[in-house]
Amino acid sequence: MPKQKSYKAHIQSSMPDLHRSLLDIVSIFNSPERDAAMLESAGLALERALFPLLVLIGKYGPIGVVDLASRVGRDYTTVSRQLARLEELGLVDRCLSSVNRRTRQVRVTPQGKMATQSVDAARERLALKMFRDWSRSDYDQLFRLTRMLADGLDETPAPGSKLAERMSAPNFPSLIRRTT
């Protein structure tokens, strides 16, 4: 039992630093300058606000507008207007959901796929530079642990929230999209 108490104390004492590290990472990923640099490196002339939408649609599409809005932390009406702009550019189109034919989803077009592949190539160039001095073991640990963190965050809502109550119901489906 003392071992468990010690581990809990360790987590509690290191949580502020872990939280700060995660906030630093999120801030860097959400930086307008970083998005602009990524778009430039990918050779794309795209409004910066549209960039995260296109990337998420490429990774998770077809995807509903509400789900997409939730992932980028924007109101769904704003996202809907931004999707109309991506449609005008020929990068996405809307389709009926295969699960619920009353709802529509958005997916990348072939032109959008080429754009997301350019972004992926730019991200790969950046990663190769960023991880150039890392050992394979360090990189593999980072990958494994960030996947564990993402899965844990997805499975663990804030205690006392309505989502936590719903998730404690016996027949609640998992939210995780496993990619194994």
N, C-alpha and C. Protein backbone atom coordinates (compact mmCIF):
# COMPACT_ATOMS: atom_id res chain seq x y z
N MET A 1 0.81 -1.21 0.00
CA MET A 1 0.00 0.00 0.00
C MET A 1 0.86 1.28 0.00
N PRO A 2 1.94 1.35 0.75
CA PRO A 2 2.77 2.56 0.72
C PRO A 2 3.27 2.89 -0.68
N LYS A 3 3.53 1.85 -1.49
CA LYS A 3 4.02 2.08 -2.84
C LYS A 3 2.99 2.87 -3.66
N GLN A 4 1.70 2.51 -3.54
CA GLN A 4 0.63 3.19 -4.26
C GLN A 4 0.53 4.64 -3.81
N LYS A 5 0.65 4.87 -2.50
CA LYS A 5 0.57 6.22 -1.95
C LYS A 5 1.71 7.08 -2.50
N SER A 6 2.91 6.50 -2.58
CA SER A 6 4.07 7.20 -3.10
C SER A 6 3.88 7.56 -4.58
N TYR A 7 3.32 6.62 -5.35
CA TYR A 7 3.08 6.85 -6.77
C TYR A 7 2.05 7.97 -6.97
N LYS A 8 0.99 7.94 -6.16
CA LYS A 8 -0.03 8.98 -6.24
C LYS A 8 0.58 10.35 -5.91
N ALA A 9 1.41 10.40 -4.88
CA ALA A 9 2.06 11.66 -4.50
C ALA A 9 2.98 12.14 -5.63
N HIS A 10 3.66 11.21 -6.27
CA HIS A 10 4.54 11.56 -7.39
C HIS A 10 3.73 12.19 -8.54
N ILE A 11 2.61 11.57 -8.87
CA ILE A 11 1.75 12.11 -9.93
C ILE A 11 1.25 13.50 -9.54
N GLN A 12 0.78 13.64 -8.31
CA GLN A 12 0.26 14.92 -7.85
C GLN A 12 1.33 16.01 -7.88
N SER A 13 2.55 15.67 -7.50
CA SER A 13 3.60 16.69 -7.46
C SER A 13 4.10 17.07 -8.86
N SER A 14 4.05 16.12 -9.79
CA SER A 14 4.55 16.42 -11.14
C SER A 14 3.47 16.94 -12.09
N MET A 15 2.20 16.86 -11.69
CA MET A 15 1.10 17.26 -12.57
C MET A 15 1.21 18.70 -13.07
N PRO A 16 1.57 19.67 -12.24
CA PRO A 16 1.69 21.04 -12.78
C PRO A 16 2.71 21.14 -13.93
N ASP A 17 3.83 20.46 -13.80
CA ASP A 17 4.85 20.50 -14.86
C ASP A 17 4.38 19.76 -16.11
N LEU A 18 3.72 18.63 -15.94
CA LEU A 18 3.18 17.91 -17.08
C LEU A 18 2.12 18.76 -17.79
N HIS A 19 1.25 19.37 -17.01
CA HIS A 19 0.21 20.23 -17.60
C HIS A 19 0.83 21.39 -18.37
N ARG A 20 1.87 22.00 -17.79
CA ARG A 20 2.55 23.10 -18.48
C ARG A 20 3.18 22.61 -19.80
N SER A 21 3.80 21.44 -19.77
CA SER A 21 4.38 20.88 -21.00
C SER A 21 3.32 20.67 -22.07
N LEU A 22 2.18 20.13 -21.66
CA LEU A 22 1.10 19.91 -22.63
C LEU A 22 0.56 21.23 -23.17
N LEU A 23 0.42 22.23 -22.29
CA LEU A 23 -0.02 23.55 -22.76
C LEU A 23 0.99 24.15 -23.73
N ASP A 24 2.28 23.98 -23.45
CA ASP A 24 3.31 24.46 -24.37
C ASP A 24 3.15 23.80 -25.74
N ILE A 25 2.95 22.49 -25.76
CA ILE A 25 2.80 21.77 -27.03
C ILE A 25 1.56 22.25 -27.78
N VAL A 26 0.43 22.34 -27.07
CA VAL A 26 -0.81 22.80 -27.71
C VAL A 26 -0.64 24.22 -28.24
N SER A 27 0.00 25.08 -27.48
CA SER A 27 0.22 26.46 -27.92
C SER A 27 1.06 26.51 -29.18
N ILE A 28 2.09 25.68 -29.23
CA ILE A 28 2.95 25.64 -30.42
C ILE A 28 2.15 25.15 -31.62
N PHE A 29 1.39 24.07 -31.43
CA PHE A 29 0.60 23.53 -32.53
C PHE A 29 -0.47 24.51 -33.00
N ASN A 30 -0.99 25.34 -32.09
CA ASN A 30 -2.04 26.29 -32.45
C ASN A 30 -1.50 27.64 -32.91
N SER A 31 -0.21 27.78 -32.99
CA SER A 31 0.40 29.06 -33.37
C SER A 31 0.09 29.41 -34.83
N PRO A 32 -0.45 30.60 -35.06
CA PRO A 32 -0.71 31.03 -36.44
C PRO A 32 0.57 31.07 -37.28
N GLU A 33 1.68 31.46 -36.66
CA GLU A 33 2.94 31.52 -37.40
C GLU A 33 3.38 30.13 -37.83
N ARG A 34 3.17 29.14 -36.98
CA ARG A 34 3.54 27.76 -37.31
C ARG A 34 2.67 27.25 -38.45
N ASP A 35 1.37 27.54 -38.39
CA ASP A 35 0.47 27.14 -39.48
C ASP A 35 0.90 27.80 -40.79
N ALA A 36 1.23 29.08 -40.72
CA ALA A 36 1.65 29.80 -41.93
C ALA A 36 2.93 29.18 -42.49
N ALA A 37 3.87 28.84 -41.63
CA ALA A 37 5.11 28.22 -42.07
C ALA A 37 4.85 26.84 -42.67
N MET A 38 3.95 26.08 -42.07
CA MET A 38 3.62 24.75 -42.59
C MET A 38 2.96 24.87 -43.96
N LEU A 39 2.05 25.82 -44.11
CA LEU A 39 1.41 26.04 -45.41
C LEU A 39 2.43 26.44 -46.46
N GLU A 40 3.35 27.33 -46.09
CA GLU A 40 4.40 27.76 -47.01
C GLU A 40 5.28 26.58 -47.41
N SER A 41 5.67 25.78 -46.42
CA SER A 41 6.52 24.62 -46.69
C SER A 41 5.81 23.60 -47.58
N ALA A 42 4.49 23.51 -47.43
CA ALA A 42 3.69 22.58 -48.24
C ALA A 42 3.38 23.16 -49.62
N GLY A 43 3.70 24.45 -49.82
CA GLY A 43 3.43 25.09 -51.10
C GLY A 43 1.95 25.39 -51.31
N LEU A 44 1.22 25.63 -50.22
CA LEU A 44 -0.22 25.89 -50.32
C LEU A 44 -0.53 27.34 -50.00
N ALA A 45 -1.39 27.92 -50.80
CA ALA A 45 -1.91 29.26 -50.52
C ALA A 45 -3.32 29.07 -49.99
N LEU A 46 -3.44 28.97 -48.67
CA LEU A 46 -4.73 28.68 -48.05
C LEU A 46 -4.88 29.58 -46.84
N GLU A 47 -6.09 30.08 -46.63
CA GLU A 47 -6.33 30.90 -45.44
C GLU A 47 -6.00 30.07 -44.20
N ARG A 48 -5.30 30.69 -43.27
CA ARG A 48 -4.83 29.96 -42.10
C ARG A 48 -5.96 29.32 -41.31
N ALA A 49 -7.11 29.96 -41.21
CA ALA A 49 -8.22 29.40 -40.44
C ALA A 49 -8.76 28.11 -41.06
N LEU A 50 -8.54 27.93 -42.35
CA LEU A 50 -9.04 26.74 -43.04
C LEU A 50 -8.08 25.54 -42.90
N PHE A 51 -6.84 25.84 -42.60
CA PHE A 51 -5.80 24.82 -42.54
C PHE A 51 -6.12 23.67 -41.58
N PRO A 52 -6.43 23.95 -40.28
CA PRO A 52 -6.70 22.83 -39.38
C PRO A 52 -7.93 22.02 -39.80
N LEU A 53 -8.90 22.68 -40.39
CA LEU A 53 -10.08 21.96 -40.85
C LEU A 53 -9.72 20.97 -41.93
N LEU A 54 -8.96 21.42 -42.91
CA LEU A 54 -8.56 20.54 -44.00
C LEU A 54 -7.75 19.35 -43.48
N VAL A 55 -6.82 19.60 -42.55
CA VAL A 55 -6.00 18.53 -42.00
C VAL A 55 -6.87 17.51 -41.26
N LEU A 56 -7.79 17.99 -40.42
CA LEU A 56 -8.65 17.07 -39.67
C LEU A 56 -9.60 16.29 -40.57
N ILE A 57 -10.12 16.94 -41.60
CA ILE A 57 -10.99 16.23 -42.54
C ILE A 57 -10.19 15.15 -43.25
N GLY A 58 -8.95 15.48 -43.61
CA GLY A 58 -8.09 14.50 -44.25
C GLY A 58 -7.80 13.30 -43.36
N LYS A 59 -7.66 13.54 -42.05
CA LYS A 59 -7.34 12.46 -41.11
C LYS A 59 -8.56 11.68 -40.64
N TYR A 60 -9.68 12.37 -40.40
CA TYR A 60 -10.84 11.74 -39.79
C TYR A 60 -12.06 11.64 -40.70
N GLY A 61 -11.98 12.19 -41.89
CA GLY A 61 -13.14 12.23 -42.77
C GLY A 61 -13.52 10.90 -43.34
N PRO A 62 -14.74 10.78 -43.81
CA PRO A 62 -15.79 11.80 -43.69
C PRO A 62 -16.14 12.04 -42.22
N ILE A 63 -16.43 13.30 -41.91
CA ILE A 63 -16.68 13.73 -40.54
C ILE A 63 -17.81 14.74 -40.54
N GLY A 64 -18.63 14.70 -39.50
CA GLY A 64 -19.73 15.65 -39.36
C GLY A 64 -19.23 17.02 -38.93
N VAL A 65 -20.02 18.02 -39.25
CA VAL A 65 -19.64 19.41 -38.95
C VAL A 65 -19.52 19.62 -37.44
N VAL A 66 -20.45 19.08 -36.67
CA VAL A 66 -20.42 19.27 -35.21
C VAL A 66 -19.17 18.62 -34.62
N ASP A 67 -18.85 17.41 -35.06
CA ASP A 67 -17.65 16.72 -34.57
C ASP A 67 -16.40 17.51 -34.95
N LEU A 68 -16.36 17.99 -36.18
CA LEU A 68 -15.22 18.78 -36.64
C LEU A 68 -15.08 20.06 -35.82
N ALA A 69 -16.20 20.75 -35.60
CA ALA A 69 -16.18 21.99 -34.82
C ALA A 69 -15.67 21.73 -33.40
N SER A 70 -16.09 20.61 -32.83
CA SER A 70 -15.63 20.25 -31.49
C SER A 70 -14.13 20.04 -31.46
N ARG A 71 -13.60 19.40 -32.48
CA ARG A 71 -12.16 19.10 -32.52
C ARG A 71 -11.30 20.36 -32.67
N VAL A 72 -11.83 21.40 -33.31
CA VAL A 72 -11.04 22.63 -33.48
C VAL A 72 -11.44 23.71 -32.49
N GLY A 73 -12.43 23.42 -31.64
CA GLY A 73 -12.83 24.38 -30.62
C GLY A 73 -13.50 25.61 -31.18
N ARG A 74 -14.28 25.42 -32.24
CA ARG A 74 -15.02 26.54 -32.85
C ARG A 74 -16.50 26.20 -32.87
N ASP A 75 -17.31 27.23 -32.99
CA ASP A 75 -18.75 27.06 -33.13
C ASP A 75 -19.05 26.38 -34.47
N TYR A 76 -20.04 25.49 -34.49
CA TYR A 76 -20.32 24.75 -35.72
C TYR A 76 -20.80 25.66 -36.85
N THR A 77 -21.42 26.81 -36.51
CA THR A 77 -21.85 27.72 -37.59
C THR A 77 -20.64 28.36 -38.26
N THR A 78 -19.64 28.68 -37.47
CA THR A 78 -18.39 29.22 -38.03
C THR A 78 -17.72 28.18 -38.91
N VAL A 79 -17.64 26.96 -38.41
CA VAL A 79 -17.01 25.88 -39.17
C VAL A 79 -17.79 25.62 -40.45
N SER A 80 -19.10 25.68 -40.39
CA SER A 80 -19.91 25.46 -41.59
C SER A 80 -19.59 26.51 -42.66
N ARG A 81 -19.44 27.76 -42.26
CA ARG A 81 -19.06 28.82 -43.23
C ARG A 81 -17.66 28.56 -43.78
N GLN A 82 -16.74 28.13 -42.93
CA GLN A 82 -15.39 27.86 -43.38
C GLN A 82 -15.36 26.65 -44.32
N LEU A 83 -16.21 25.67 -44.07
CA LEU A 83 -16.31 24.52 -44.97
C LEU A 83 -16.83 24.94 -46.34
N ALA A 84 -17.74 25.90 -46.36
CA ALA A 84 -18.24 26.41 -47.64
C ALA A 84 -17.09 27.00 -48.45
N ARG A 85 -16.18 27.66 -47.77
CA ARG A 85 -14.99 28.22 -48.45
C ARG A 85 -14.09 27.10 -48.98
N LEU A 86 -13.88 26.05 -48.17
CA LEU A 86 -13.08 24.91 -48.65
C LEU A 86 -13.76 24.22 -49.83
N GLU A 87 -15.08 24.20 -49.82
CA GLU A 87 -15.82 23.63 -50.97
C GLU A 87 -15.60 24.48 -52.23
N GLU A 88 -15.67 25.81 -52.06
CA GLU A 88 -15.44 26.72 -53.19
C GLU A 88 -14.05 26.50 -53.80
N LEU A 89 -13.09 26.19 -52.95
CA LEU A 89 -11.72 25.95 -53.40
C LEU A 89 -11.55 24.56 -54.00
N GLY A 90 -12.58 23.73 -53.90
CA GLY A 90 -12.52 22.38 -54.46
C GLY A 90 -11.73 21.39 -53.62
N LEU A 91 -11.51 21.73 -52.33
CA LEU A 91 -10.71 20.87 -51.46
C LEU A 91 -11.54 19.85 -50.68
N VAL A 92 -12.82 20.16 -50.46
CA VAL A 92 -13.71 19.24 -49.76
C VAL A 92 -15.06 19.23 -50.45
N ASP A 93 -15.84 18.19 -50.16
CA ASP A 93 -17.24 18.17 -50.57
C ASP A 93 -18.05 17.52 -49.46
N ARG A 94 -19.34 17.69 -49.55
CA ARG A 94 -20.22 17.13 -48.53
C ARG A 94 -20.92 15.90 -49.09
N CYS A 95 -21.17 14.96 -48.20
CA CYS A 95 -21.83 13.71 -48.60
C CYS A 95 -22.78 13.28 -47.49
N LEU A 96 -23.69 12.39 -47.81
CA LEU A 96 -24.58 11.84 -46.79
C LEU A 96 -23.79 10.88 -45.91
N SER A 97 -24.11 10.88 -44.63
CA SER A 97 -23.47 9.96 -43.70
C SER A 97 -23.87 8.54 -44.04
N SER A 98 -22.92 7.64 -43.98
CA SER A 98 -23.23 6.23 -44.22
C SER A 98 -23.96 5.62 -43.03
N VAL A 99 -23.86 6.26 -41.86
CA VAL A 99 -24.50 5.75 -40.65
C VAL A 99 -25.91 6.30 -40.50
N ASN A 100 -26.07 7.61 -40.71
CA ASN A 100 -27.36 8.27 -40.55
C ASN A 100 -27.63 9.09 -41.81
N ARG A 101 -28.46 8.60 -42.67
CA ARG A 101 -28.70 9.23 -43.97
C ARG A 101 -29.35 10.62 -43.85
N ARG A 102 -29.75 11.02 -42.65
CA ARG A 102 -30.33 12.35 -42.47
C ARG A 102 -29.26 13.41 -42.22
N THR A 103 -28.05 12.98 -41.95
CA THR A 103 -26.97 13.94 -41.67
C THR A 103 -25.95 13.94 -42.80
N ARG A 104 -25.26 15.05 -42.88
CA ARG A 104 -24.22 15.18 -43.91
C ARG A 104 -22.86 15.24 -43.26
N GLN A 105 -21.89 14.79 -44.00
CA GLN A 105 -20.51 14.83 -43.55
C GLN A 105 -19.68 15.51 -44.62
N VAL A 106 -18.45 15.81 -44.25
CA VAL A 106 -17.54 16.44 -45.19
C VAL A 106 -16.33 15.53 -45.38
N ARG A 107 -15.81 15.50 -46.59
CA ARG A 107 -14.65 14.67 -46.92
C ARG A 107 -13.76 15.44 -47.89
N VAL A 108 -12.50 15.05 -47.97
CA VAL A 108 -11.60 15.71 -48.91
C VAL A 108 -11.87 15.20 -50.31
N THR A 109 -11.67 16.07 -51.27
CA THR A 109 -11.76 15.72 -52.69
C THR A 109 -10.38 15.24 -53.14
N PRO A 110 -10.26 14.75 -54.35
CA PRO A 110 -8.91 14.40 -54.83
C PRO A 110 -7.94 15.58 -54.76
N GLN A 111 -8.43 16.78 -55.06
CA GLN A 111 -7.57 17.97 -54.95
C GLN A 111 -7.21 18.23 -53.49
N GLY A 112 -8.17 18.02 -52.59
CA GLY A 112 -7.91 18.17 -51.16
C GLY A 112 -6.91 17.14 -50.66
N LYS A 113 -7.00 15.93 -51.20
CA LYS A 113 -6.06 14.86 -50.84
C LYS A 113 -4.64 15.24 -51.23
N MET A 114 -4.49 15.83 -52.41
CA MET A 114 -3.15 16.29 -52.83
C MET A 114 -2.63 17.35 -51.88
N ALA A 115 -3.52 18.25 -51.43
CA ALA A 115 -3.12 19.30 -50.49
C ALA A 115 -2.70 18.70 -49.16
N THR A 116 -3.48 17.75 -48.65
CA THR A 116 -3.13 17.14 -47.35
C THR A 116 -1.85 16.32 -47.47
N GLN A 117 -1.62 15.72 -48.62
CA GLN A 117 -0.36 14.98 -48.81
C GLN A 117 0.83 15.94 -48.81
N SER A 118 0.65 17.13 -49.36
CA SER A 118 1.71 18.15 -49.32
C SER A 118 2.00 18.57 -47.88
N VAL A 119 0.94 18.71 -47.08
CA VAL A 119 1.11 19.06 -45.67
C VAL A 119 1.81 17.92 -44.94
N ASP A 120 1.41 16.68 -45.22
CA ASP A 120 2.06 15.53 -44.59
C ASP A 120 3.55 15.49 -44.92
N ALA A 121 3.90 15.79 -46.17
CA ALA A 121 5.31 15.79 -46.57
C ALA A 121 6.07 16.90 -45.85
N ALA A 122 5.43 18.07 -45.69
CA ALA A 122 6.07 19.17 -44.97
C ALA A 122 6.26 18.80 -43.50
N ARG A 123 5.25 18.17 -42.91
CA ARG A 123 5.33 17.73 -41.52
C ARG A 123 6.44 16.70 -41.35
N GLU A 124 6.57 15.81 -42.32
CA GLU A 124 7.63 14.80 -42.26
C GLU A 124 9.01 15.45 -42.32
N ARG A 125 9.19 16.45 -43.19
CA ARG A 125 10.48 17.15 -43.26
C ARG A 125 10.80 17.81 -41.92
N LEU A 126 9.80 18.44 -41.32
CA LEU A 126 9.99 19.08 -40.02
C LEU A 126 10.35 18.05 -38.95
N ALA A 127 9.62 16.92 -38.94
CA ALA A 127 9.87 15.88 -37.94
C ALA A 127 11.27 15.30 -38.08
N LEU A 128 11.67 15.04 -39.31
CA LEU A 128 13.01 14.48 -39.52
C LEU A 128 14.09 15.42 -38.98
N LYS A 129 13.88 16.71 -39.17
CA LYS A 129 14.83 17.69 -38.64
C LYS A 129 14.75 17.75 -37.11
N MET A 130 13.53 17.77 -36.58
CA MET A 130 13.35 17.90 -35.14
C MET A 130 13.87 16.69 -34.38
N PHE A 131 13.69 15.48 -34.93
CA PHE A 131 14.08 14.26 -34.24
C PHE A 131 15.45 13.73 -34.67
N ARG A 132 16.21 14.51 -35.39
CA ARG A 132 17.47 14.02 -35.94
C ARG A 132 18.47 13.54 -34.89
N ASP A 133 18.43 14.11 -33.69
CA ASP A 133 19.37 13.71 -32.64
C ASP A 133 18.76 12.76 -31.61
N TRP A 134 17.54 12.33 -31.84
CA TRP A 134 16.88 11.40 -30.93
C TRP A 134 17.27 9.98 -31.28
N SER A 135 17.40 9.14 -30.27
CA SER A 135 17.62 7.71 -30.53
C SER A 135 16.29 7.09 -30.98
N ARG A 136 16.39 5.97 -31.64
CA ARG A 136 15.18 5.27 -32.05
C ARG A 136 14.33 4.91 -30.83
N SER A 137 14.99 4.49 -29.77
CA SER A 137 14.29 4.12 -28.54
C SER A 137 13.52 5.31 -27.95
N ASP A 138 14.18 6.48 -27.90
CA ASP A 138 13.51 7.68 -27.38
C ASP A 138 12.29 8.02 -28.23
N TYR A 139 12.47 7.99 -29.55
CA TYR A 139 11.34 8.30 -30.44
C TYR A 139 10.21 7.28 -30.25
N ASP A 140 10.54 6.00 -30.18
CA ASP A 140 9.53 4.96 -30.01
C ASP A 140 8.79 5.12 -28.67
N GLN A 141 9.52 5.52 -27.63
CA GLN A 141 8.88 5.76 -26.33
C GLN A 141 7.94 6.95 -26.42
N LEU A 142 8.37 8.02 -27.08
CA LEU A 142 7.51 9.18 -27.25
C LEU A 142 6.22 8.77 -27.96
N PHE A 143 6.35 8.04 -29.04
CA PHE A 143 5.19 7.60 -29.80
C PHE A 143 4.25 6.76 -28.93
N ARG A 144 4.81 5.78 -28.24
CA ARG A 144 3.99 4.89 -27.41
C ARG A 144 3.29 5.65 -26.29
N LEU A 145 4.03 6.52 -25.63
CA LEU A 145 3.47 7.24 -24.49
C LEU A 145 2.46 8.31 -24.90
N THR A 146 2.68 8.99 -26.01
CA THR A 146 1.68 9.97 -26.45
C THR A 146 0.40 9.27 -26.88
N ARG A 147 0.52 8.07 -27.49
CA ARG A 147 -0.68 7.30 -27.84
C ARG A 147 -1.42 6.89 -26.58
N MET A 148 -0.68 6.46 -25.56
CA MET A 148 -1.30 6.10 -24.28
C MET A 148 -1.98 7.30 -23.66
N LEU A 149 -1.34 8.45 -23.72
CA LEU A 149 -1.92 9.67 -23.17
C LEU A 149 -3.20 10.04 -23.92
N ALA A 150 -3.16 10.02 -25.24
CA ALA A 150 -4.34 10.36 -26.03
C ALA A 150 -5.49 9.40 -25.72
N ASP A 151 -5.19 8.12 -25.65
CA ASP A 151 -6.23 7.13 -25.33
C ASP A 151 -6.79 7.37 -23.93
N GLY A 152 -5.90 7.64 -22.98
CA GLY A 152 -6.35 7.89 -21.61
C GLY A 152 -7.19 9.14 -21.50
N LEU A 153 -6.80 10.20 -22.19
CA LEU A 153 -7.59 11.43 -22.17
C LEU A 153 -8.97 11.18 -22.78
N ASP A 154 -9.01 10.40 -23.85
CA ASP A 154 -10.27 10.11 -24.52
C ASP A 154 -11.19 9.28 -23.63
N GLU A 155 -10.62 8.42 -22.80
CA GLU A 155 -11.40 7.53 -21.95
C GLU A 155 -11.76 8.14 -20.60
N THR A 156 -11.13 9.26 -20.24
CA THR A 156 -11.26 9.78 -18.88
C THR A 156 -11.75 11.22 -18.89
N PRO A 157 -13.08 11.40 -18.83
CA PRO A 157 -13.60 12.77 -18.76
C PRO A 157 -13.39 13.36 -17.36
N ALA A 158 -13.61 14.63 -17.24
CA ALA A 158 -13.46 15.29 -15.95
C ALA A 158 -14.41 14.66 -14.93
N PRO A 159 -13.90 14.29 -13.76
CA PRO A 159 -14.77 13.68 -12.74
C PRO A 159 -15.94 14.61 -12.40
N GLY A 160 -17.12 14.02 -12.28
CA GLY A 160 -18.30 14.79 -11.94
C GLY A 160 -19.01 15.40 -13.14
N SER A 161 -18.40 15.33 -14.32
CA SER A 161 -19.05 15.89 -15.51
C SER A 161 -20.17 14.97 -15.97
N LYS A 162 -21.06 15.50 -16.78
CA LYS A 162 -22.15 14.68 -17.32
C LYS A 162 -21.59 13.56 -18.19
N LEU A 163 -20.51 13.86 -18.91
CA LEU A 163 -19.90 12.82 -19.73
C LEU A 163 -19.37 11.69 -18.85
N ALA A 164 -18.77 12.03 -17.72
CA ALA A 164 -18.27 11.00 -16.81
C ALA A 164 -19.42 10.13 -16.31
N GLU A 165 -20.55 10.75 -16.02
CA GLU A 165 -21.72 9.99 -15.57
C GLU A 165 -22.22 9.06 -16.68
N ARG A 166 -22.32 9.58 -17.92
CA ARG A 166 -22.78 8.75 -19.04
C ARG A 166 -21.81 7.61 -19.30
N MET A 167 -20.51 7.92 -19.21
CA MET A 167 -19.50 6.90 -19.50
C MET A 167 -19.47 5.80 -18.44
N SER A 168 -19.95 6.09 -17.25
CA SER A 168 -19.97 5.05 -16.22
C SER A 168 -21.16 4.11 -16.41
N ALA A 169 -22.07 4.45 -17.33
CA ALA A 169 -23.20 3.56 -17.64
C ALA A 169 -22.65 2.29 -18.27
N PRO A 170 -23.27 1.14 -17.97
CA PRO A 170 -22.71 -0.15 -18.41
C PRO A 170 -22.58 -0.31 -19.92
N ASN A 171 -23.44 0.27 -20.71
CA ASN A 171 -23.42 0.03 -22.15
C ASN A 171 -22.87 1.20 -22.96
N PHE A 172 -22.06 2.08 -22.33
CA PHE A 172 -21.52 3.23 -23.04
C PHE A 172 -20.41 2.77 -23.99
N PRO A 173 -20.49 3.15 -25.29
CA PRO A 173 -19.44 2.73 -26.24
C PRO A 173 -18.16 3.50 -26.04
N SER A 174 -17.06 2.88 -26.40
CA SER A 174 -15.74 3.53 -26.30
C SER A 174 -15.67 4.67 -27.31
N LEU A 175 -15.00 5.76 -26.94
CA LEU A 175 -14.82 6.90 -27.82
C LEU A 175 -13.56 6.79 -28.66
N ILE A 176 -12.73 5.82 -28.36
CA ILE A 176 -11.41 5.73 -28.97
C ILE A 176 -11.50 5.20 -30.39
N ARG A 177 -10.75 5.82 -31.27
CA ARG A 177 -10.56 5.33 -32.63
C ARG A 177 -9.23 4.61 -32.64
N ARG A 178 -9.24 3.33 -32.47
CA ARG A 178 -7.99 2.56 -32.42
C ARG A 178 -7.37 2.49 -33.81
N THR A 179 -6.06 2.68 -33.85
CA THR A 179 -5.32 2.63 -35.13
C THR A 179 -4.23 1.59 -35.09
N THR A 180 -4.51 0.45 -34.48
CA THR A 180 -3.49 -0.58 -34.37
C THR A 180 -3.48 -1.50 -35.54
